[in-house]
N, C-alpha and C. Protein backbone atom coordinates (compact mmCIF):
# COMPACT_ATOMS: atom_id res chain seq x y z
N MET A 1 20.55 -11.05 -8.06
CA MET A 1 20.98 -11.69 -9.38
C MET A 1 19.69 -12.17 -9.92
N PRO A 2 19.60 -11.77 -11.46
CA PRO A 2 19.05 -12.64 -12.06
C PRO A 2 19.20 -14.01 -12.00
N PRO A 3 17.41 -15.29 -12.41
CA PRO A 3 17.86 -16.18 -12.18
C PRO A 3 19.05 -16.87 -13.58
N ARG A 4 19.29 -17.99 -13.54
CA ARG A 4 20.20 -18.42 -14.29
C ARG A 4 19.28 -19.18 -15.38
N THR A 5 20.17 -19.58 -16.94
CA THR A 5 19.47 -20.33 -17.52
C THR A 5 19.49 -21.44 -17.73
N ALA A 6 19.02 -22.46 -17.99
CA ALA A 6 19.36 -23.45 -17.88
C ALA A 6 20.56 -24.16 -18.49
N ALA A 7 20.90 -22.96 -19.81
CA ALA A 7 22.32 -23.38 -21.14
C ALA A 7 23.32 -23.28 -19.41
N GLN A 8 23.07 -22.30 -18.81
CA GLN A 8 24.25 -21.46 -17.79
C GLN A 8 24.00 -23.09 -16.62
N ILE A 9 23.29 -23.24 -16.02
CA ILE A 9 22.94 -24.18 -14.99
C ILE A 9 23.72 -25.84 -15.53
N LEU A 10 24.05 -26.40 -16.63
CA LEU A 10 23.80 -27.26 -17.20
C LEU A 10 25.75 -27.17 -17.69
N ALA A 11 26.03 -25.88 -18.06
CA ALA A 11 27.67 -26.25 -18.21
C ALA A 11 27.75 -25.77 -16.74
N GLU A 12 27.63 -25.47 -15.34
CA GLU A 12 27.99 -25.44 -14.34
C GLU A 12 28.44 -27.03 -13.78
N TRP A 13 27.52 -27.45 -13.91
CA TRP A 13 26.82 -28.77 -13.48
C TRP A 13 27.83 -30.18 -14.70
N HIS A 14 27.99 -29.49 -15.60
CA HIS A 14 28.93 -30.25 -16.58
C HIS A 14 30.57 -30.12 -16.15
N ASP A 15 30.53 -28.79 -15.71
CA ASP A 15 32.53 -28.64 -15.52
C ASP A 15 32.77 -29.07 -14.01
N LEU A 16 31.29 -28.79 -13.44
CA LEU A 16 31.66 -29.74 -12.16
C LEU A 16 32.21 -30.91 -12.35
N ALA A 17 31.49 -31.47 -12.73
CA ALA A 17 31.77 -33.19 -13.10
C ALA A 17 33.00 -33.70 -13.93
N ARG A 18 33.17 -32.35 -14.63
CA ARG A 18 34.57 -33.30 -15.47
C ARG A 18 35.70 -32.73 -14.31
N GLN A 19 35.51 -31.74 -13.36
CA GLN A 19 36.40 -31.44 -11.93
C GLN A 19 36.58 -32.50 -11.53
N ARG A 20 34.74 -32.91 -10.75
CA ARG A 20 34.43 -34.53 -9.90
C ARG A 20 35.86 -35.50 -10.03
N ASP A 21 35.63 -36.08 -11.50
CA ASP A 21 36.16 -37.08 -12.21
C ASP A 21 37.54 -36.30 -12.02
N GLU A 22 38.64 -35.65 -12.58
CA GLU A 22 39.79 -35.21 -12.60
C GLU A 22 40.52 -35.19 -11.03
N ALA A 23 39.41 -35.18 -10.02
CA ALA A 23 40.07 -34.87 -8.29
C ALA A 23 40.93 -36.08 -7.57
N SER A 24 41.81 -36.06 -7.75
CA SER A 24 42.23 -36.81 -6.90
C SER A 24 41.82 -36.85 -5.26
N ASP A 25 41.38 -35.71 -4.62
CA ASP A 25 41.41 -35.81 -2.86
C ASP A 25 40.18 -35.91 -2.54
N ASP A 26 39.56 -36.90 -1.90
CA ASP A 26 38.15 -37.48 -1.27
C ASP A 26 37.62 -35.86 -0.96
N GLU A 27 37.85 -35.64 0.02
CA GLU A 27 37.32 -34.05 0.73
C GLU A 27 36.93 -33.41 -0.54
N LEU A 28 37.61 -33.09 -1.60
CA LEU A 28 37.34 -32.38 -3.13
C LEU A 28 36.43 -33.08 -3.85
N VAL A 29 36.54 -34.16 -3.77
CA VAL A 29 35.45 -34.74 -4.38
C VAL A 29 34.33 -34.83 -3.84
N ALA A 30 33.87 -34.84 -2.40
CA ALA A 30 32.66 -34.55 -1.59
C ALA A 30 32.08 -33.15 -1.79
N ALA A 31 32.90 -31.80 -1.67
CA ALA A 31 32.54 -31.42 -2.06
C ALA A 31 32.20 -30.93 -2.88
N ILE A 32 32.59 -31.36 -4.36
CA ILE A 32 32.41 -30.56 -5.62
C ILE A 32 30.88 -31.60 -5.27
N THR A 33 31.18 -33.08 -5.25
CA THR A 33 29.51 -33.92 -5.61
C THR A 33 28.48 -33.20 -4.42
N GLN A 34 28.88 -32.17 -3.75
CA GLN A 34 27.79 -31.45 -2.50
C GLN A 34 27.60 -29.87 -3.78
N ARG A 35 28.14 -29.37 -4.19
CA ARG A 35 27.97 -28.70 -5.04
C ARG A 35 26.80 -29.00 -6.34
N ILE A 36 26.94 -30.11 -6.80
CA ILE A 36 26.87 -31.08 -8.28
C ILE A 36 25.07 -30.96 -7.75
N GLU A 37 24.59 -31.22 -6.40
CA GLU A 37 24.02 -31.67 -5.89
C GLU A 37 23.02 -30.04 -6.12
N LEU A 38 23.51 -29.63 -5.29
CA LEU A 38 22.97 -27.67 -5.52
C LEU A 38 22.75 -27.70 -6.57
N VAL A 39 23.48 -27.45 -7.38
CA VAL A 39 23.36 -27.36 -9.13
C VAL A 39 22.32 -27.91 -9.40
N ARG A 40 21.70 -29.45 -9.46
CA ARG A 40 20.94 -30.57 -9.85
C ARG A 40 19.23 -29.94 -9.19
N HIS A 41 19.61 -29.22 -7.92
CA HIS A 41 18.44 -28.70 -7.38
C HIS A 41 17.72 -27.27 -8.18
N GLU A 42 18.97 -26.59 -8.39
CA GLU A 42 18.69 -25.76 -8.89
C GLU A 42 18.11 -25.92 -10.16
N TYR A 43 18.20 -26.93 -10.89
CA TYR A 43 18.57 -27.01 -12.45
C TYR A 43 16.83 -27.25 -12.45
N ILE A 44 16.14 -28.98 -11.35
CA ILE A 44 14.78 -29.19 -11.32
C ILE A 44 14.18 -27.84 -10.74
N VAL A 45 14.19 -27.38 -9.80
CA VAL A 45 13.29 -26.71 -9.01
C VAL A 45 12.93 -25.56 -9.20
N GLY A 46 14.17 -25.01 -9.36
CA GLY A 46 14.32 -23.08 -9.87
C GLY A 46 15.35 -23.05 -8.84
N SER A 47 15.45 -21.21 -9.25
CA SER A 47 16.31 -21.00 -8.10
C SER A 47 15.74 -20.52 -6.97
N PRO A 48 16.10 -20.51 -5.71
CA PRO A 48 15.24 -20.12 -4.60
C PRO A 48 15.00 -18.55 -4.95
N PRO A 49 14.19 -18.04 -3.69
CA PRO A 49 13.59 -16.47 -4.12
C PRO A 49 14.62 -16.19 -3.62
N GLU A 50 15.22 -14.63 -4.37
CA GLU A 50 16.25 -13.83 -3.10
C GLU A 50 15.49 -13.31 -2.11
N PRO A 51 16.42 -13.28 -1.26
CA PRO A 51 15.24 -12.82 0.34
C PRO A 51 15.42 -11.39 0.20
N THR A 52 14.14 -10.81 0.69
CA THR A 52 13.55 -9.67 0.52
C THR A 52 14.12 -9.29 2.65
N GLU A 53 13.78 -7.58 2.30
CA GLU A 53 13.63 -7.35 4.09
C GLU A 53 12.70 -7.36 4.65
N PRO A 54 12.41 -8.03 5.95
CA PRO A 54 11.05 -7.96 6.51
C PRO A 54 10.72 -7.51 6.81
N ILE A 55 8.93 -7.36 6.73
CA ILE A 55 8.24 -6.09 7.32
C ILE A 55 8.02 -6.14 8.76
N GLU A 56 8.58 -4.74 9.22
CA GLU A 56 8.56 -4.56 10.04
C GLU A 56 6.87 -4.26 10.90
N PRO A 57 6.60 -4.37 12.04
CA PRO A 57 4.65 -4.67 12.26
C PRO A 57 4.49 -2.97 12.68
N THR A 58 3.51 -2.73 12.61
CA THR A 58 3.18 -1.70 12.85
C THR A 58 2.74 -1.37 14.04
N SER A 59 3.14 -0.21 15.08
CA SER A 59 3.04 -0.39 16.20
C SER A 59 2.05 0.36 16.80
N PRO A 60 1.27 0.13 17.10
CA PRO A 60 -0.25 0.76 18.06
C PRO A 60 -0.12 2.04 18.03
N ASP A 61 1.19 2.81 17.82
CA ASP A 61 0.59 4.44 17.82
C ASP A 61 0.22 4.77 16.30
N ALA A 62 0.55 3.78 15.65
CA ALA A 62 1.04 4.90 13.78
C ALA A 62 -0.94 4.75 13.83
N ALA A 63 -0.54 5.96 13.05
CA ALA A 63 -1.58 6.32 12.30
C ALA A 63 -2.35 5.13 12.02
N PRO A 64 -3.95 5.04 11.73
CA PRO A 64 -4.43 4.24 10.49
C PRO A 64 -4.87 4.00 9.39
N GLY A 65 -5.10 2.97 9.00
CA GLY A 65 -5.13 3.53 7.36
C GLY A 65 -6.20 4.27 7.02
N PRO A 66 -6.51 4.21 6.41
CA PRO A 66 -8.00 5.24 5.44
C PRO A 66 -9.02 4.33 6.02
N PRO A 67 -10.52 5.60 6.14
CA PRO A 67 -11.88 4.99 7.33
C PRO A 67 -12.15 3.80 5.68
N ILE A 68 -13.17 3.13 6.90
CA ILE A 68 -13.18 1.96 5.93
C ILE A 68 -14.77 2.35 5.87
N GLN A 69 -15.51 2.66 4.64
CA GLN A 69 -17.41 2.83 4.75
C GLN A 69 -17.79 1.29 4.90
N MET A 70 -18.82 1.03 5.79
CA MET A 70 -19.34 -0.29 5.77
C MET A 70 -20.71 0.60 4.60
N ARG A 71 -21.29 -0.70 4.22
CA ARG A 71 -22.69 -0.85 3.61
C ARG A 71 -23.81 -1.67 4.32
N LEU A 72 -24.43 -0.71 4.91
CA LEU A 72 -25.39 -0.98 5.28
C LEU A 72 -26.92 -1.01 5.38
N PRO A 73 -27.55 -2.19 5.58
CA PRO A 73 -28.92 -2.51 4.72
C PRO A 73 -29.58 -1.37 4.37
N LEU A 74 -30.59 -0.90 3.96
CA LEU A 74 -32.04 -0.23 3.74
C LEU A 74 -32.95 -0.93 4.61
N THR A 75 -33.35 -0.27 5.45
CA THR A 75 -34.60 -0.68 6.09
C THR A 75 -36.03 0.16 5.26
């Protein structure tokens, strides 16, 4: 999912604030407040990076990489 624009984040933030003001249940208010904090964090810090697949370690039996050529000093 591509990162959201600041306008999209702010639109959700304002919508959540409106819902929180209209909510009558304390648990709902707490849940909306928690989501507002997540949206606030996304706005300030940025969205978290997308998870990537872990790189599997190579086994000792795997073929070695290309040979390395060393420079030796001239004598």
